[in-house]
Amino acid sequence: MSSLSVRAAAGENPDGLALVTDDGGKWSWRELAAEVDRVPRRPEPAGARSFLPLAATPTPETVFRILAALDREEPLALLDPGLPERELLLRRRLLAEATAVRQAPPAGAPLAVLFTSGSTGAPRGVELSRAAFLASAAASERRLGWRAGDRWLCVLPLAHVGGLSILTRCLIARRTLVLAGEFDPERLGRLIERESVTMVSLVPTMLARLLDSDSSRTRLKSLRVVLVGGAPASPRLWTEAIGRGLPVLETWGMTETCSQVATAIPGGDPRAPVPLDGWQVRSRDGRLEVRGEALLTGYLGGAGPGSPLDDDGWFRTGDAGRVNDDGSVTILGRADEMIVTGGKKVFPAEVERFLESLPQVRRAVVLGIADETWGEVVVAALEPDSAHPGSAADRDSVLAPALREGLATWQRPRAIVWVERFPETSSGKVDRAGIREQFLAGLTSRHPTP
């Protein structure tokens, strides 16, 4: 296992291609090390450390700054510039209050602070150590392997663990990072083809748009690994991607685990993520718990009561799911999104998968709305499939019998809103909070329960 040092990489492979950008820029490891040397050092009092807030724009300058911080062991706090200003101010305030100045850190001190999305509440800063990134990269390598000439495309935000981990994996393995700018499927397809990209990590929305834009069905032929995670992918998307020969692999992880915990085994079932070496996964009371070397060291400022790990080192995730007899993991959805209606439990992800299997529906978001009688009722926002045009009333007439046949009575949406296009977060995921606020907040249970 190599180190998290661009200087060491330059010494080992000076002329190897290190960084490629979508506008044609290219840097060898020697050239990248020279750029890092030009990054100004941070003035700070002797014997003290503070997190460096960095707006992680998808530019080579951001890569230079991150690599400089890694070489100099300067803790980073990465901020997503795509967030609304109020969210950025909140994160800066958390940094100022909790870690404006830190004394010289002990062994295992954070390499970086990454913020959770805050989609289900106030964001928290997750502290991840250098050892966590090294362990995560080693586990990923044992599952996916590296080949000579591999190039990993980074289109995920560098302020999120999925994006930052691509950078650190490429640095550790001395492989090429291909840095995309803002997500544009047409431009991304051309970049993959032009640079012979072999590996890419995508959320389902990105994959769907990339497939839609590849009318020639030739641009993606260089890919040998396509990791799909961050949100559930619809059955139709899996069918299309597999049918077109894409080497898709479902993956599951989170900020607190420094990216991947479980990933499908290449050559096996692409929809059956299996824990990577070094990870243990169990289900307790329906909630998934994990244990491994790449876990967080803590939350920024000690947010929350006590340690995030129990006495045996287990971390209780926010995901509901189960561990199957073959060792694979099934994710049922976010535990805090579970709907309880009339005493019955409904996992939105299960209902969404069914809805997205119907030809009229491209994407679905299922939420619970408070109801005096039932506690909560199930409602849905649906994005129509452009291949099946028609009015909302036409779609509803086809949908009704399918819901009766495919869903239990308590799983069926009591109200449906058709949305031409879902809002999305800066990381390309469907903005569930935005959908609730914009489209579903005023809905009530207007339909009697069968």
Protein backbone atom coordinates (compact mmCIF):
# COMPACT_ATOMS: atom_id res chain seq x y z
CA MET A 1 0.00 0.00 0.00
CA SER A 2 1.45 3.37 -1.05
CA SER A 3 1.18 6.57 0.94
CA LEU A 4 -1.09 9.62 0.83
CA SER A 5 1.72 11.79 -0.53
CA VAL A 6 2.00 13.36 -3.95
CA ARG A 7 5.74 13.91 -3.39
CA ALA A 8 6.19 10.19 -2.80
CA ALA A 9 4.14 9.47 -5.93
CA ALA A 10 6.35 11.84 -7.93
CA GLY A 11 9.43 10.03 -6.67
CA GLU A 12 8.06 6.61 -7.58
CA ASN A 13 6.44 7.44 -10.95
CA PRO A 14 7.47 10.95 -12.01
CA ASP A 15 6.25 10.74 -15.61
CA GLY A 16 3.08 8.75 -14.94
CA LEU A 17 -0.17 10.51 -15.78
CA ALA A 18 -1.72 11.73 -12.52
CA LEU A 19 -4.53 14.16 -13.36
CA VAL A 20 -6.69 14.83 -16.40
CA THR A 21 -9.42 17.49 -16.57
CA ASP A 22 -12.41 17.71 -18.85
CA ASP A 23 -10.96 20.76 -20.63
CA GLY A 24 -7.90 18.77 -21.72
CA GLY A 25 -5.48 19.64 -18.92
CA LYS A 26 -2.95 16.95 -18.02
CA TRP A 27 -0.41 16.67 -15.20
CA SER A 28 2.20 14.01 -14.51
CA TRP A 29 2.99 13.15 -10.89
CA ARG A 30 6.12 15.33 -11.12
CA GLU A 31 4.09 18.26 -12.45
CA LEU A 32 1.36 17.71 -9.86
CA ALA A 33 3.95 17.75 -7.06
CA ALA A 34 5.29 21.05 -8.41
CA GLU A 35 1.79 22.56 -8.37
CA VAL A 36 1.34 21.37 -4.78
CA ASP A 37 4.64 23.02 -3.78
CA ARG A 38 3.28 26.33 -5.07
CA VAL A 39 0.19 26.19 -2.83
CA PRO A 40 0.77 28.76 -0.05
CA ARG A 41 1.31 27.34 3.40
CA ARG A 42 -1.19 28.18 6.10
CA PRO A 43 -0.03 30.64 8.73
CA GLU A 44 -0.97 29.41 12.20
CA PRO A 45 0.44 29.55 15.72
CA ALA A 46 3.16 27.07 16.59
CA GLY A 47 1.79 23.94 18.20
CA ALA A 48 -1.79 24.52 17.05
CA ARG A 49 -3.92 23.17 14.24
CA SER A 50 -7.20 24.37 12.76
CA PHE A 51 -9.36 22.88 10.07
CA LEU A 52 -8.98 24.63 6.73
CA PRO A 53 -12.43 25.38 5.26
CA LEU A 54 -12.23 24.81 1.53
CA ALA A 55 -14.98 25.32 -1.04
CA ALA A 56 -14.38 22.15 -3.05
CA THR A 57 -15.11 23.29 -6.59
CA PRO A 58 -14.46 20.64 -9.28
CA THR A 59 -11.25 22.31 -10.49
CA PRO A 60 -7.56 21.37 -10.59
CA GLU A 61 -6.87 24.15 -8.07
CA THR A 62 -9.03 22.33 -5.53
CA VAL A 63 -7.12 19.11 -6.21
CA PHE A 64 -3.82 20.97 -5.67
CA ARG A 65 -5.04 22.34 -2.33
CA ILE A 66 -6.32 18.97 -1.12
CA LEU A 67 -3.07 17.25 -2.07
CA ALA A 68 -1.04 19.99 -0.37
CA ALA A 69 -3.05 19.50 2.82
CA LEU A 70 -2.48 15.73 2.63
CA ASP A 71 1.27 16.16 2.18
CA ARG A 72 1.52 18.71 5.01
CA GLU A 73 -0.91 16.86 7.30
CA GLU A 74 -3.14 19.92 7.55
CA PRO A 75 -6.71 18.94 8.48
CA LEU A 76 -9.30 19.95 5.87
CA ALA A 77 -12.96 20.87 6.19
CA LEU A 78 -14.45 20.47 2.73
CA LEU A 79 -17.55 22.48 1.83
CA ASP A 80 -19.85 21.78 -1.11
CA PRO A 81 -20.15 25.03 -3.12
CA GLY A 82 -23.40 23.76 -4.63
CA LEU A 83 -25.22 24.14 -1.32
CA PRO A 84 -27.48 27.12 -0.62
CA GLU A 85 -25.73 29.99 1.14
CA ARG A 86 -27.63 29.39 4.39
CA GLU A 87 -26.32 25.79 4.49
CA LEU A 88 -22.75 26.92 3.85
CA LEU A 89 -23.02 29.52 6.62
CA LEU A 90 -24.32 26.85 9.01
CA ARG A 91 -21.35 24.60 8.28
CA ARG A 92 -18.88 27.46 8.71
CA ARG A 93 -20.52 28.33 12.00
CA LEU A 94 -20.18 24.75 13.20
CA LEU A 95 -16.48 24.84 12.32
CA ALA A 96 -15.97 28.16 14.07
CA GLU A 97 -17.75 27.04 17.22
CA ALA A 98 -16.27 23.56 17.49
CA THR A 99 -12.78 23.74 16.03
CA ALA A 100 -11.75 27.34 15.42
CA VAL A 101 -8.35 26.39 16.84
CA ARG A 102 -7.30 22.86 17.75
CA GLN A 103 -4.26 21.98 19.80
CA ALA A 104 -1.66 19.71 18.21
CA PRO A 105 -3.69 16.59 17.39
CA PRO A 106 -3.01 13.15 18.84
CA ALA A 107 -2.32 10.08 16.73
CA GLY A 108 -5.32 9.26 14.58
CA ALA A 109 -6.42 12.89 14.38
CA PRO A 110 -8.76 13.71 11.49
CA LEU A 111 -7.42 14.06 8.00
CA ALA A 112 -10.67 15.76 7.02
CA VAL A 113 -14.08 16.84 8.19
CA LEU A 114 -16.88 16.05 5.75
CA PHE A 115 -20.42 17.16 6.40
CA THR A 116 -23.44 14.93 6.17
CA SER A 117 -26.03 16.16 3.72
CA GLY A 118 -28.45 17.44 6.34
CA SER A 119 -31.39 16.21 4.26
CA THR A 120 -33.07 14.70 7.33
CA GLY A 121 -31.94 17.22 9.92
CA ALA A 122 -29.05 19.46 10.94
CA PRO A 123 -25.77 18.55 9.23
CA ARG A 124 -22.96 17.05 11.27
CA GLY A 125 -19.26 17.22 10.63
CA VAL A 126 -17.78 13.73 10.35
CA GLU A 127 -14.11 13.45 11.35
CA LEU A 128 -12.20 10.90 9.27
CA SER A 129 -8.60 9.93 9.97
CA ARG A 130 -5.71 9.27 7.63
CA ALA A 131 -5.84 5.62 8.68
CA ALA A 132 -9.51 5.44 7.67
CA PHE A 133 -8.75 6.59 4.11
CA LEU A 134 -5.86 4.12 3.83
CA ALA A 135 -8.03 1.25 5.12
CA SER A 136 -10.91 2.20 2.82
CA ALA A 137 -8.63 2.32 -0.23
CA ALA A 138 -7.11 -1.06 0.64
CA ALA A 139 -10.54 -2.69 0.98
CA SER A 140 -11.72 -1.18 -2.31
CA GLU A 141 -8.58 -2.41 -4.07
CA ARG A 142 -9.08 -5.97 -2.81
CA ARG A 143 -12.62 -5.99 -4.21
CA LEU A 144 -12.11 -4.17 -7.53
CA GLY A 145 -8.38 -4.51 -8.19
CA TRP A 146 -6.20 -2.11 -10.13
CA ARG A 147 -5.00 -2.62 -13.69
CA ALA A 148 -2.22 -0.89 -15.56
CA GLY A 149 -3.68 2.16 -17.27
CA ASP A 150 -6.76 2.41 -15.04
CA ARG A 151 -8.37 5.84 -14.98
CA TRP A 152 -11.06 6.68 -12.40
CA LEU A 153 -13.50 9.42 -13.34
CA CYS A 154 -14.56 11.75 -10.52
CA VAL A 155 -17.88 13.45 -11.17
CA LEU A 156 -19.11 13.23 -7.56
CA PRO A 157 -18.49 16.35 -5.43
CA LEU A 158 -15.06 16.47 -3.82
CA ALA A 159 -16.72 17.72 -0.62
CA HIS A 160 -18.51 14.36 -0.29
CA VAL A 161 -16.79 11.17 0.75
CA GLY A 162 -17.58 9.47 -2.57
CA GLY A 163 -15.67 12.13 -4.51
CA LEU A 164 -12.79 12.65 -2.09
CA SER A 165 -12.23 8.89 -1.84
CA ILE A 166 -11.70 8.65 -5.61
CA LEU A 167 -8.92 11.21 -5.30
CA THR A 168 -7.28 9.44 -2.35
CA ARG A 169 -7.56 5.98 -3.97
CA CYS A 170 -5.91 7.23 -7.16
CA LEU A 171 -3.16 8.92 -5.13
CA ILE A 172 -2.47 5.82 -3.04
CA ALA A 173 -2.44 3.54 -6.11
CA ARG A 174 -0.54 6.04 -8.31
CA ARG A 175 -3.32 5.85 -10.92
CA THR A 176 -4.93 8.56 -13.04
CA LEU A 177 -7.71 10.76 -11.72
CA VAL A 178 -10.00 12.13 -14.44
CA LEU A 179 -11.73 15.19 -13.02
CA ALA A 180 -15.08 16.19 -14.52
CA GLY A 181 -16.59 19.61 -13.98
CA GLU A 182 -20.29 20.20 -13.36
CA PHE A 183 -22.35 17.19 -14.34
CA ASP A 184 -23.47 17.26 -17.95
CA PRO A 185 -24.28 13.83 -19.42
CA GLU A 186 -23.35 14.66 -23.00
CA ARG A 187 -20.04 16.18 -22.00
CA LEU A 188 -19.36 13.36 -19.55
CA GLY A 189 -19.93 10.70 -22.20
CA ARG A 190 -17.46 12.41 -24.52
CA LEU A 191 -14.92 12.65 -21.69
CA ILE A 192 -15.21 8.93 -20.90
CA GLU A 193 -14.69 8.08 -24.56
CA ARG A 194 -11.86 10.57 -25.15
CA GLU A 195 -9.85 9.59 -22.08
CA SER A 196 -10.62 5.85 -22.14
CA VAL A 197 -11.96 5.99 -18.59
CA THR A 198 -12.09 2.55 -16.96
CA MET A 199 -13.76 3.24 -13.59
CA VAL A 200 -16.54 5.57 -12.48
CA SER A 201 -18.75 6.10 -9.43
CA LEU A 202 -22.28 7.39 -10.05
CA VAL A 203 -25.55 7.99 -8.28
CA PRO A 204 -28.57 6.51 -10.11
CA THR A 205 -29.71 9.84 -11.57
CA MET A 206 -26.32 10.36 -13.18
CA LEU A 207 -26.30 6.84 -14.61
CA ALA A 208 -29.79 7.26 -16.08
CA ARG A 209 -28.88 10.51 -17.81
CA LEU A 210 -25.59 9.14 -19.04
CA LEU A 211 -27.39 6.20 -20.67
CA ASP A 212 -29.99 8.52 -22.20
CA SER A 213 -27.28 10.69 -23.75
CA ASP A 214 -25.29 7.77 -25.23
CA SER A 215 -27.39 7.33 -28.35
CA SER A 216 -24.51 5.67 -30.22
CA ARG A 217 -24.06 3.15 -27.38
CA THR A 218 -20.30 3.29 -27.93
CA ARG A 219 -19.05 6.01 -25.59
CA LEU A 220 -18.98 3.87 -22.45
CA LYS A 221 -17.25 0.79 -23.85
CA SER A 222 -13.93 1.49 -22.07
CA LEU A 223 -15.53 1.15 -18.62
CA ARG A 224 -14.72 -1.97 -16.58
CA VAL A 225 -16.27 -0.84 -13.26
CA VAL A 226 -19.37 1.31 -12.73
CA LEU A 227 -20.16 1.73 -9.03
CA VAL A 228 -23.78 2.72 -8.41
CA GLY A 229 -24.72 3.97 -4.97
CA GLY A 230 -25.87 6.88 -2.85
CA ALA A 231 -29.55 6.10 -3.44
CA PRO A 232 -31.68 3.17 -4.64
CA ALA A 233 -31.64 2.57 -8.40
CA SER A 234 -34.88 1.58 -10.10
CA PRO A 235 -35.34 -1.95 -11.51
CA ARG A 236 -35.69 -0.46 -14.96
CA LEU A 237 -32.35 1.35 -14.68
CA TRP A 238 -30.60 -1.86 -13.60
CA THR A 239 -32.20 -3.77 -16.47
CA GLU A 240 -31.17 -1.15 -19.02
CA ALA A 241 -27.60 -0.83 -17.75
CA ILE A 242 -27.04 -4.58 -17.57
CA GLY A 243 -28.72 -5.08 -20.96
CA ARG A 244 -26.28 -2.62 -22.51
CA GLY A 245 -23.36 -4.55 -21.11
CA LEU A 246 -22.26 -2.01 -18.53
CA PRO A 247 -20.24 -3.50 -15.64
CA VAL A 248 -22.50 -2.02 -12.97
CA LEU A 249 -22.00 -2.92 -9.30
CA GLU A 250 -24.27 -1.84 -6.47
CA THR A 251 -22.37 -0.30 -3.59
CA TRP A 252 -23.36 0.85 -0.10
CA GLY A 253 -21.55 3.15 2.26
CA MET A 254 -21.78 6.52 3.97
CA THR A 255 -19.70 9.43 5.20
CA GLU A 256 -19.16 7.81 8.60
CA THR A 257 -17.61 4.72 6.97
CA CYS A 258 -15.25 6.67 4.71
CA SER A 259 -17.17 5.50 1.62
CA GLN A 260 -17.72 1.82 0.68
CA VAL A 261 -18.80 -0.83 3.18
CA ALA A 262 -20.34 -3.37 0.80
CA THR A 263 -19.98 -3.68 -2.97
CA ALA A 264 -21.19 -6.33 -5.39
CA ILE A 265 -18.50 -8.81 -6.46
CA PRO A 266 -17.39 -8.35 -10.09
CA GLY A 267 -18.71 -11.25 -12.13
CA GLY A 268 -21.41 -12.03 -9.56
CA ASP A 269 -24.87 -10.61 -8.96
CA PRO A 270 -24.45 -6.87 -9.63
CA ARG A 271 -27.30 -6.03 -7.23
CA ALA A 272 -25.98 -8.00 -4.25
CA PRO A 273 -23.46 -5.85 -2.34
CA VAL A 274 -21.18 -7.95 -0.13
CA PRO A 275 -19.13 -6.47 2.75
CA LEU A 276 -15.58 -5.63 1.74
CA ASP A 277 -12.64 -7.26 3.50
CA GLY A 278 -12.20 -5.69 6.90
CA TRP A 279 -15.88 -4.85 7.33
CA GLN A 280 -18.48 -6.61 9.44
CA VAL A 281 -22.19 -5.90 8.95
CA ARG A 282 -25.11 -7.03 11.10
CA SER A 283 -28.80 -6.19 11.43
CA ARG A 284 -30.10 -5.45 14.90
CA ASP A 285 -33.77 -4.60 15.39
CA GLY A 286 -33.96 -4.08 11.63
CA ARG A 287 -31.18 -1.46 11.65
CA LEU A 288 -27.84 -2.12 9.97
CA GLU A 289 -24.71 -1.83 12.10
CA VAL A 290 -21.11 -1.91 10.88
CA ARG A 291 -17.64 -2.40 12.30
CA GLY A 292 -14.31 -1.79 10.55
CA GLU A 293 -11.04 0.13 10.42
CA ALA A 294 -12.38 2.91 8.18
CA LEU A 295 -14.99 4.19 10.63
CA LEU A 296 -15.12 7.82 11.72
CA THR A 297 -13.12 8.96 14.72
CA GLY A 298 -16.03 11.09 15.90
CA TYR A 299 -18.27 14.02 15.09
CA LEU A 300 -17.09 17.60 14.91
CA GLY A 301 -17.08 19.07 18.38
CA GLY A 302 -18.37 15.82 19.85
CA ALA A 303 -21.87 16.38 18.43
CA GLY A 304 -24.37 13.99 19.95
CA PRO A 305 -24.25 12.08 23.22
CA GLY A 306 -21.11 10.02 23.81
CA SER A 307 -19.12 8.10 21.23
CA PRO A 308 -20.77 7.19 17.91
CA LEU A 309 -19.44 3.64 18.45
CA ASP A 310 -20.59 1.19 21.09
CA ASP A 311 -18.21 -0.54 23.50
CA ASP A 312 -17.49 -3.25 20.93
CA GLY A 313 -16.76 -0.80 18.12
CA TRP A 314 -20.07 -1.12 16.24
CA PHE A 315 -21.58 1.90 14.49
CA ARG A 316 -25.37 2.01 14.20
CA THR A 317 -26.20 3.35 10.75
CA GLY A 318 -29.34 5.17 9.73
CA ASP A 319 -30.23 2.44 7.22
CA ALA A 320 -32.77 -0.32 7.67
CA GLY A 321 -31.85 -3.62 6.09
CA ARG A 322 -30.83 -7.23 6.51
CA VAL A 323 -27.84 -9.49 5.99
CA ASN A 324 -28.78 -12.41 3.75
CA ASP A 325 -27.72 -16.05 4.07
CA ASP A 326 -25.14 -15.59 1.29
CA GLY A 327 -23.55 -12.67 3.16
CA SER A 328 -24.91 -9.96 0.89
CA VAL A 329 -26.68 -6.92 2.29
CA THR A 330 -30.18 -5.75 1.35
CA ILE A 331 -30.88 -2.08 2.02
CA LEU A 332 -34.54 -1.37 2.76
CA GLY A 333 -34.13 2.38 3.03
CA ARG A 334 -33.48 5.04 5.62
CA ALA A 335 -34.81 3.97 9.00
CA ASP A 336 -35.94 7.52 9.78
CA GLU A 337 -37.96 7.58 6.54
CA MET A 338 -40.00 4.52 7.49
CA ILE A 339 -43.73 5.25 7.47
CA VAL A 340 -46.01 3.80 10.14
CA THR A 341 -49.62 3.88 8.93
CA GLY A 342 -52.33 2.27 11.01
CA GLY A 343 -49.63 0.31 12.84
CA LYS A 344 -48.18 -1.10 9.62
CA LYS A 345 -44.57 -0.35 8.62
CA VAL A 346 -43.88 0.86 5.09
CA PHE A 347 -40.36 1.30 3.72
CA PRO A 348 -40.52 3.98 1.01
CA ALA A 349 -37.71 2.36 -1.01
CA GLU A 350 -39.75 -0.83 -1.48
CA VAL A 351 -42.78 1.08 -2.75
CA GLU A 352 -40.56 3.26 -4.95
CA ARG A 353 -38.98 0.19 -6.56
CA PHE A 354 -42.43 -1.13 -7.46
CA LEU A 355 -43.63 2.20 -8.83
CA GLU A 356 -40.46 2.61 -10.90
CA SER A 357 -41.03 -0.82 -12.44
CA LEU A 358 -44.20 0.52 -14.10
CA PRO A 359 -43.76 1.82 -17.66
CA GLN A 360 -45.39 5.19 -16.94
CA VAL A 361 -43.00 6.07 -14.10
CA ARG A 362 -39.42 7.19 -14.52
CA ARG A 363 -38.71 8.02 -10.87
CA ALA A 364 -40.71 7.89 -7.66
CA VAL A 365 -40.45 9.45 -4.22
CA VAL A 366 -42.66 8.02 -1.47
CA LEU A 367 -43.17 9.91 1.78
CA GLY A 368 -45.36 9.81 4.86
CA ILE A 369 -47.80 12.63 5.60
CA ALA A 370 -49.25 13.10 9.08
CA ASP A 371 -52.87 11.95 9.42
CA GLU A 372 -55.14 12.15 12.48
CA THR A 373 -56.71 8.74 11.89
CA TRP A 374 -53.81 6.63 10.63
CA GLY A 375 -50.83 8.44 12.17
CA GLU A 376 -49.30 8.72 8.72
CA VAL A 377 -50.46 7.95 5.21
CA VAL A 378 -48.39 7.11 2.15
CA VAL A 379 -48.18 9.68 -0.64
CA ALA A 380 -46.05 9.71 -3.78
CA ALA A 381 -44.50 12.13 -6.22
CA LEU A 382 -43.93 10.55 -9.62
CA GLU A 383 -41.78 11.69 -12.53
CA PRO A 384 -43.39 10.50 -15.78
CA ASP A 385 -41.51 8.46 -18.36
CA SER A 386 -41.25 10.50 -21.56
CA ALA A 387 -41.62 7.33 -23.61
CA HIS A 388 -45.25 7.08 -22.44
CA PRO A 389 -46.83 10.49 -23.09
CA GLY A 390 -50.29 11.35 -21.87
CA SER A 391 -52.12 13.39 -19.29
CA ALA A 392 -51.87 12.82 -15.54
CA ALA A 393 -55.43 11.46 -15.64
CA ASP A 394 -54.44 8.94 -18.34
CA ARG A 395 -51.48 7.80 -16.30
CA ASP A 396 -53.57 7.56 -13.13
CA SER A 397 -56.12 5.33 -14.87
CA VAL A 398 -53.39 2.86 -15.80
CA LEU A 399 -51.68 3.15 -12.43
CA ALA A 400 -54.71 2.36 -10.26
CA PRO A 401 -55.12 -1.34 -11.16
CA ALA A 402 -51.34 -1.87 -10.99
CA LEU A 403 -51.28 -0.50 -7.43
CA ARG A 404 -54.14 -2.77 -6.38
CA GLU A 405 -52.39 -5.79 -7.83
CA GLY A 406 -48.81 -5.09 -6.73
CA LEU A 407 -49.01 -3.39 -3.33
CA ALA A 408 -50.58 -4.20 -0.01
CA THR A 409 -53.41 -1.87 0.99
CA TRP A 410 -51.27 -0.03 3.54
CA GLN A 411 -48.45 0.45 0.99
CA ARG A 412 -50.61 2.14 -1.64
CA PRO A 413 -50.21 5.91 -2.02
CA ARG A 414 -53.35 7.77 -0.91
CA ALA A 415 -52.42 10.73 -3.06
CA ILE A 416 -50.16 11.07 -6.10
CA VAL A 417 -48.59 14.17 -7.60
CA TRP A 418 -46.98 14.06 -11.05
CA VAL A 419 -43.83 16.20 -11.25
CA GLU A 420 -42.32 16.93 -14.64
CA ARG A 421 -38.79 16.79 -13.21
CA PHE A 422 -37.62 16.20 -9.66
CA PRO A 423 -35.34 18.71 -7.95
CA GLU A 424 -31.89 17.34 -7.18
CA THR A 425 -29.19 18.00 -4.61
CA SER A 426 -25.70 19.21 -5.46
CA SER A 427 -24.50 15.59 -5.40
CA GLY A 428 -27.02 14.52 -8.06
CA LYS A 429 -29.43 12.72 -5.74
CA VAL A 430 -33.18 13.31 -5.76
CA ASP A 431 -33.96 16.10 -3.28
CA ARG A 432 -36.53 14.34 -1.08
CA ALA A 433 -36.81 17.28 1.31
CA GLY A 434 -37.39 19.65 -1.60
CA ILE A 435 -40.10 17.39 -3.03
CA ARG A 436 -41.86 17.26 0.33
CA GLU A 437 -41.70 21.04 0.64
CA GLN A 438 -42.62 21.92 -2.94
CA PHE A 439 -45.12 19.27 -3.96
CA LEU A 440 -46.37 17.14 -1.09
CA ALA A 441 -46.61 19.41 1.95
CA GLY A 442 -50.24 20.33 1.36
CA LEU A 443 -51.53 16.83 0.69
CA THR A 444 -53.95 15.14 3.07
CA SER A 445 -55.56 11.73 3.13
CA ARG A 446 -58.51 12.31 0.85
CA HIS A 447 -59.11 8.69 -0.09
CA PRO A 448 -60.78 6.12 2.15
CA THR A 449 -58.75 3.08 3.16
CA PRO A 450 -59.91 -0.07 1.37
